[in-house]
Amino acid sequence: MNIGFPSLRVDGSNPRHHLWCNNGTWWVHYTLHFGGRKRRVRRSLGTRAIDVAVRRRDDLLARLACEGEPVPERRPRRIAPAGPAPLDGLHILSLSTGPAPLFAGRRSGLEA
């Protein structure tokens, strides 16, 4: 397993750098660099209070800068088989070139 270290660009005029609020919960985002590659990381800080989020972000980024973070190998992507997609559950009503029917099926209580 590789150890990644963050590459941080901090905007001193923005005290909320690397933070964003998602439905009231604060998150931190950063990029880890390892072995000539990089991985973007998003983590919940588990708080709704901005002052707590800032402290947790600062602690996390300081720890990462010193110790790094283990970066697990990604599983290989599963490649879809070639050919047309299966039509499970899809029913084609008409292949005619005329106008599509307004209702395809039987209406209860109404006779044609």
Protein backbone atom coordinates (compact mmCIF):
# COMPACT_ATOMS: atom_id res chain seq x y z
CA MET A 1 0.00 0.00 0.00
CA ASN A 2 1.31 3.43 -0.94
CA ILE A 3 1.60 6.39 1.42
CA GLY A 4 0.22 9.64 0.01
CA PHE A 5 1.07 13.16 1.06
CA PRO A 6 -1.14 16.17 0.42
CA SER A 7 -0.23 18.97 -1.92
CA LEU A 8 -1.88 22.01 -0.38
CA ARG A 9 -2.43 25.46 -1.78
CA VAL A 10 -3.78 27.67 0.97
CA ASP A 11 -5.50 30.95 0.25
CA GLY A 12 -4.70 33.03 3.35
CA SER A 13 -7.61 35.37 2.66
CA ASN A 14 -10.10 32.48 2.84
CA PRO A 15 -10.37 30.95 6.34
CA ARG A 16 -12.63 28.20 4.94
CA HIS A 17 -10.10 26.88 2.42
CA HIS A 18 -10.55 23.16 1.67
CA LEU A 19 -13.97 23.19 3.40
CA TRP A 20 -17.52 22.99 2.10
CA CYS A 21 -20.91 22.49 3.70
CA ASN A 22 -23.14 19.71 2.39
CA ASN A 23 -26.64 19.71 3.92
CA GLY A 24 -25.33 21.31 7.09
CA THR A 25 -22.34 18.99 7.61
CA TRP A 26 -18.85 20.34 6.95
CA TRP A 27 -16.49 18.36 4.70
CA VAL A 28 -12.81 18.73 3.81
CA HIS A 29 -11.24 17.98 0.43
CA TYR A 30 -7.60 17.55 -0.52
CA THR A 31 -5.39 15.76 -3.03
CA LEU A 32 -2.90 13.04 -2.08
CA HIS A 33 0.18 12.46 -4.23
CA PHE A 34 1.88 9.07 -4.27
CA GLY A 35 4.07 7.15 -6.70
CA GLY A 36 3.68 9.67 -9.52
CA ARG A 37 -0.11 9.55 -9.19
CA LYS A 38 -2.73 11.50 -7.27
CA ARG A 39 -6.05 10.83 -5.63
CA ARG A 40 -8.72 13.33 -4.64
CA VAL A 41 -10.12 12.74 -1.16
CA ARG A 42 -13.31 14.04 0.42
CA ARG A 43 -13.96 13.48 4.12
CA SER A 44 -16.77 14.40 6.42
CA LEU A 45 -15.69 16.35 9.47
CA GLY A 46 -18.82 15.19 11.28
CA THR A 47 -19.90 18.58 12.55
CA ARG A 48 -22.33 21.36 11.76
CA ALA A 49 -20.26 24.01 13.56
CA ILE A 50 -17.79 25.92 11.38
CA ASP A 51 -15.36 26.62 14.24
CA VAL A 52 -15.15 22.89 15.05
CA ALA A 53 -14.76 22.08 11.33
CA VAL A 54 -11.86 24.54 10.98
CA ARG A 55 -10.06 23.00 13.98
CA ARG A 56 -10.60 19.45 12.68
CA ARG A 57 -9.43 20.44 9.20
CA ASP A 58 -6.28 22.05 10.56
CA ASP A 59 -5.50 19.01 12.72
CA LEU A 60 -6.12 16.60 9.84
CA LEU A 61 -4.03 18.49 7.29
CA ALA A 62 -1.15 18.95 9.78
CA ARG A 63 -1.16 15.22 10.55
CA LEU A 64 -1.27 14.31 6.85
CA ALA A 65 1.63 16.63 6.05
CA CYS A 66 3.79 14.86 8.67
CA GLU A 67 2.67 11.24 8.50
CA GLY A 68 0.95 10.90 5.14
CA GLU A 69 -2.06 8.66 4.56
CA PRO A 70 -2.20 5.07 3.31
CA VAL A 71 -3.71 4.97 -0.17
CA PRO A 72 -5.35 1.62 -0.97
CA GLU A 73 -5.12 0.26 -4.47
CA ARG A 74 -8.26 0.74 -6.47
CA ARG A 75 -10.09 -2.29 -7.72
CA PRO A 76 -9.92 -2.63 -11.49
CA ARG A 77 -12.91 -1.22 -13.30
CA ARG A 78 -15.42 -3.72 -14.52
CA ILE A 79 -15.77 -3.33 -18.26
CA ALA A 80 -19.24 -3.80 -19.70
CA PRO A 81 -19.51 -6.55 -22.32
CA ALA A 82 -19.51 -5.44 -25.94
CA GLY A 83 -22.72 -5.50 -27.92
CA PRO A 84 -26.20 -4.11 -27.46
CA ALA A 85 -27.50 -3.51 -23.97
CA PRO A 86 -29.98 -6.09 -22.67
CA LEU A 87 -33.65 -5.14 -22.91
CA ASP A 88 -34.73 -6.57 -19.57
CA GLY A 89 -38.04 -5.04 -18.57
CA LEU A 90 -38.27 -2.92 -21.72
CA HIS A 91 -41.27 -3.59 -23.93
CA ILE A 92 -41.44 -2.05 -27.38
CA LEU A 93 -45.02 -1.19 -28.26
CA SER A 94 -44.70 -0.28 -31.90
CA LEU A 95 -41.97 -0.02 -34.49
CA SER A 96 -44.17 1.69 -37.07
CA THR A 97 -43.22 5.04 -38.53
CA GLY A 98 -46.69 6.47 -37.91
CA PRO A 99 -47.75 8.48 -34.89
CA ALA A 100 -47.36 6.78 -31.54
CA PRO A 101 -50.61 5.56 -29.94
CA LEU A 102 -51.92 7.73 -27.14
CA PHE A 103 -52.59 4.70 -25.00
CA ALA A 104 -51.07 1.27 -25.45
CA GLY A 105 -53.15 -1.16 -23.48
CA ARG A 106 -56.68 -1.75 -22.32
CA ARG A 107 -58.65 0.90 -20.51
CA SER A 108 -61.08 -0.43 -17.96
CA GLY A 109 -64.65 0.77 -18.42
CA LEU A 110 -64.13 2.09 -21.94
CA GLU A 111 -64.90 0.13 -25.08
CA ALA A 112 -63.14 0.77 -28.36
